[in-house]
Amino acid sequence: MDTTTLWRPTGPQELALVEASGWRAWPPRLPDQPIFYPVLNEDYAVRIARDWNVRASGGGYVARFEVETSFLDAYDVHQVGGDTILEYWIPAEDLVELNRHIVGLIEAVREFR
């Protein structure tokens, strides 16, 4: 099975919910969050976690996780800035299915305060 490595910049509240899942699932989106957006490179995730999540919530984290590539084939990669500013836009209603296609555990690999 082929997998794709994805990165997720996140704050402490979302990371606590991931930990509560046993590091196996992303929590449901809030009503005002219609999209779950994992990113395709660590550098981009670091910039968001460090420069936005710290200011917004006092802490920023970068999580790394593997998803079955065949699941991701149904979604387009969106370039939202420079050449390396790439992310998937997973509709909130598809998040449960995304979680089913995570291979292994979600890992917190960076922390910023």
C-alpha atoms as a PDB file:
ATOM      1  CA  MET A   1       0.000   0.000   0.000  1.00  0.00           C
ATOM      2  CA  ASP A   2       1.351   3.394  -0.992  1.00  0.00           C
ATOM      3  CA  THR A   3       1.076   6.214   1.519  1.00  0.00           C
ATOM      4  CA  THR A   4       1.525   9.962   1.365  1.00  0.00           C
ATOM      5  CA  THR A   5       3.095  11.897   4.215  1.00  0.00           C
ATOM      6  CA  LEU A   6       1.005  14.868   5.280  1.00  0.00           C
ATOM      7  CA  TRP A   7       1.647  17.599   7.822  1.00  0.00           C
ATOM      8  CA  ARG A   8      -0.843  19.505   9.937  1.00  0.00           C
ATOM      9  CA  PRO A   9      -0.153  22.770  11.763  1.00  0.00           C
ATOM     10  CA  THR A  10      -2.340  22.795  14.848  1.00  0.00           C
ATOM     11  CA  GLY A  11      -2.964  24.438  18.175  1.00  0.00           C
ATOM     12  CA  PRO A  12      -3.051  22.890  21.645  1.00  0.00           C
ATOM     13  CA  GLN A  13      -6.806  22.212  21.735  1.00  0.00           C
ATOM     14  CA  GLU A  14      -6.882  20.234  18.500  1.00  0.00           C
ATOM     15  CA  LEU A  15      -3.702  18.371  19.451  1.00  0.00           C
ATOM     16  CA  ALA A  16      -5.244  17.386  22.809  1.00  0.00           C
ATOM     17  CA  LEU A  17      -8.198  15.859  20.932  1.00  0.00           C
ATOM     18  CA  VAL A  18      -5.814  13.937  18.666  1.00  0.00           C
ATOM     19  CA  GLU A  19      -4.004  12.641  21.750  1.00  0.00           C
ATOM     20  CA  ALA A  20      -7.356  11.616  23.279  1.00  0.00           C
ATOM     21  CA  SER A  21      -8.007   9.525  20.145  1.00  0.00           C
ATOM     22  CA  GLY A  22      -4.843   7.542  20.837  1.00  0.00           C
ATOM     23  CA  TRP A  23      -3.047   9.534  18.114  1.00  0.00           C
ATOM     24  CA  ARG A  24      -5.223   7.846  15.491  1.00  0.00           C
ATOM     25  CA  ALA A  25      -7.750  10.453  14.344  1.00  0.00           C
ATOM     26  CA  TRP A  26      -8.380  14.115  13.704  1.00  0.00           C
ATOM     27  CA  PRO A  27     -11.368  15.564  15.574  1.00  0.00           C
ATOM     28  CA  PRO A  28     -14.515  16.708  13.785  1.00  0.00           C
ATOM     29  CA  ARG A  29     -14.410  20.197  12.366  1.00  0.00           C
ATOM     30  CA  LEU A  30     -16.261  23.000  14.127  1.00  0.00           C
ATOM     31  CA  PRO A  31     -19.359  24.415  12.378  1.00  0.00           C
ATOM     32  CA  ASP A  32     -17.364  27.384  11.060  1.00  0.00           C
ATOM     33  CA  GLN A  33     -14.598  25.087   9.701  1.00  0.00           C
ATOM     34  CA  PRO A  34     -15.925  23.428   6.533  1.00  0.00           C
ATOM     35  CA  ILE A  35     -12.478  22.268   5.362  1.00  0.00           C
ATOM     36  CA  PHE A  36      -9.682  20.186   6.912  1.00  0.00           C
ATOM     37  CA  TYR A  37      -6.451  21.203   5.252  1.00  0.00           C
ATOM     38  CA  PRO A  38      -3.407  18.981   5.686  1.00  0.00           C
ATOM     39  CA  VAL A  39      -0.318  20.331   3.940  1.00  0.00           C
ATOM     40  CA  LEU A  40       2.262  18.595   1.798  1.00  0.00           C
ATOM     41  CA  ASN A  41       5.517  19.799   3.328  1.00  0.00           C
ATOM     42  CA  GLU A  42       6.909  20.328   6.781  1.00  0.00           C
ATOM     43  CA  ASP A  43       8.314  23.805   6.121  1.00  0.00           C
ATOM     44  CA  TYR A  44       4.892  25.201   5.266  1.00  0.00           C
ATOM     45  CA  ALA A  45       3.365  23.538   8.363  1.00  0.00           C
ATOM     46  CA  VAL A  46       6.139  24.990  10.550  1.00  0.00           C
ATOM     47  CA  ARG A  47       5.467  28.504   9.277  1.00  0.00           C
ATOM     48  CA  ILE A  48       1.765  28.266  10.076  1.00  0.00           C
ATOM     49  CA  ALA A  49       2.287  26.650  13.506  1.00  0.00           C
ATOM     50  CA  ARG A  50       5.006  29.104  14.524  1.00  0.00           C
ATOM     51  CA  ASP A  51       3.639  32.301  13.015  1.00  0.00           C
ATOM     52  CA  TRP A  52      -0.110  31.828  13.376  1.00  0.00           C
ATOM     53  CA  ASN A  53      -1.005  29.116  15.919  1.00  0.00           C
ATOM     54  CA  VAL A  54       1.305  30.522  18.609  1.00  0.00           C
ATOM     55  CA  ARG A  55      -0.292  33.964  18.301  1.00  0.00           C
ATOM     56  CA  ALA A  56      -3.830  32.566  18.123  1.00  0.00           C
ATOM     57  CA  SER A  57      -3.653  29.999  20.918  1.00  0.00           C
ATOM     58  CA  GLY A  58      -0.352  30.275  22.799  1.00  0.00           C
ATOM     59  CA  GLY A  59       1.181  27.200  21.199  1.00  0.00           C
ATOM     60  CA  GLY A  60       1.786  25.777  17.777  1.00  0.00           C
ATOM     61  CA  TYR A  61       2.491  22.203  16.796  1.00  0.00           C
ATOM     62  CA  VAL A  62       3.307  20.340  13.633  1.00  0.00           C
ATOM     63  CA  ALA A  63       1.876  16.863  13.270  1.00  0.00           C
ATOM     64  CA  ARG A  64       2.974  14.315  10.694  1.00  0.00           C
ATOM     65  CA  PHE A  65       0.829  11.444   9.491  1.00  0.00           C
ATOM     66  CA  GLU A  66       0.555   8.955   6.654  1.00  0.00           C
ATOM     67  CA  VAL A  67      -2.571   8.526   4.542  1.00  0.00           C
ATOM     68  CA  GLU A  68      -3.293   5.907   1.911  1.00  0.00           C
ATOM     69  CA  THR A  69      -2.472   7.581  -1.393  1.00  0.00           C
ATOM     70  CA  SER A  70      -5.447   5.913  -3.078  1.00  0.00           C
ATOM     71  CA  PHE A  71      -7.774   7.819  -0.715  1.00  0.00           C
ATOM     72  CA  LEU A  72      -6.102  11.148  -1.497  1.00  0.00           C
ATOM     73  CA  ASP A  73      -6.419  10.543  -5.255  1.00  0.00           C
ATOM     74  CA  ALA A  74     -10.030  11.748  -5.005  1.00  0.00           C
ATOM     75  CA  TYR A  75      -8.871  15.241  -3.953  1.00  0.00           C
ATOM     76  CA  ASP A  76      -6.951  17.957  -5.740  1.00  0.00           C
ATOM     77  CA  VAL A  77      -3.801  19.538  -4.372  1.00  0.00           C
ATOM     78  CA  HIS A  78      -4.265  23.293  -4.038  1.00  0.00           C
ATOM     79  CA  GLN A  79      -1.381  25.707  -4.458  1.00  0.00           C
ATOM     80  CA  VAL A  80      -2.228  28.613  -2.155  1.00  0.00           C
ATOM     81  CA  GLY A  81       0.944  30.661  -2.438  1.00  0.00           C
ATOM     82  CA  GLY A  82       4.444  29.907  -3.673  1.00  0.00           C
ATOM     83  CA  ASP A  83       5.567  26.671  -5.296  1.00  0.00           C
ATOM     84  CA  THR A  84       5.776  24.818  -1.970  1.00  0.00           C
ATOM     85  CA  ILE A  85       2.568  26.177  -0.418  1.00  0.00           C
ATOM     86  CA  LEU A  86       0.486  23.093  -1.171  1.00  0.00           C
ATOM     87  CA  GLU A  87      -2.438  21.602   0.704  1.00  0.00           C
ATOM     88  CA  TYR A  88      -5.380  19.275   0.349  1.00  0.00           C
ATOM     89  CA  TRP A  89      -8.853  20.621   1.027  1.00  0.00           C
ATOM     90  CA  ILE A  90     -10.784  17.786   2.625  1.00  0.00           C
ATOM     91  CA  PRO A  91     -14.461  18.652   3.214  1.00  0.00           C
ATOM     92  CA  ALA A  92     -15.471  18.342   6.874  1.00  0.00           C
ATOM     93  CA  GLU A  93     -17.980  15.629   5.986  1.00  0.00           C
ATOM     94  CA  ASP A  94     -15.108  13.477   4.623  1.00  0.00           C
ATOM     95  CA  LEU A  95     -12.944  13.682   7.744  1.00  0.00           C
ATOM     96  CA  VAL A  96     -14.208  10.423   9.270  1.00  0.00           C
ATOM     97  CA  GLU A  97     -13.255   8.636   6.057  1.00  0.00           C
ATOM     98  CA  LEU A  98      -9.841  10.332   5.998  1.00  0.00           C
ATOM     99  CA  ASN A  99      -9.270   9.094   9.542  1.00  0.00           C
ATOM    100  CA  ARG A 100     -10.046   5.538   8.407  1.00  0.00           C
ATOM    101  CA  HIS A 101      -7.249   5.826   5.840  1.00  0.00           C
ATOM    102  CA  ILE A 102      -4.544   7.054   8.220  1.00  0.00           C
ATOM    103  CA  VAL A 103      -1.765   4.484   8.369  1.00  0.00           C
ATOM    104  CA  GLY A 104      -0.051   4.265  11.737  1.00  0.00           C
ATOM    105  CA  LEU A 105      -0.177   7.041  14.299  1.00  0.00           C
ATOM    106  CA  ILE A 106      -0.331  10.804  14.065  1.00  0.00           C
ATOM    107  CA  GLU A 107       2.928  12.181  15.472  1.00  0.00           C
ATOM    108  CA  ALA A 108       3.578  15.622  16.963  1.00  0.00           C
ATOM    109  CA  VAL A 109       7.026  16.424  15.564  1.00  0.00           C
ATOM    110  CA  ARG A 110       7.469  20.154  16.329  1.00  0.00           C
ATOM    111  CA  GLU A 111       6.374  22.509  19.106  1.00  0.00           C
ATOM    112  CA  PHE A 112       6.480  26.296  19.266  1.00  0.00           C
ATOM    113  CA  ARG A 113       5.666  28.614  22.185  1.00  0.00           C
END
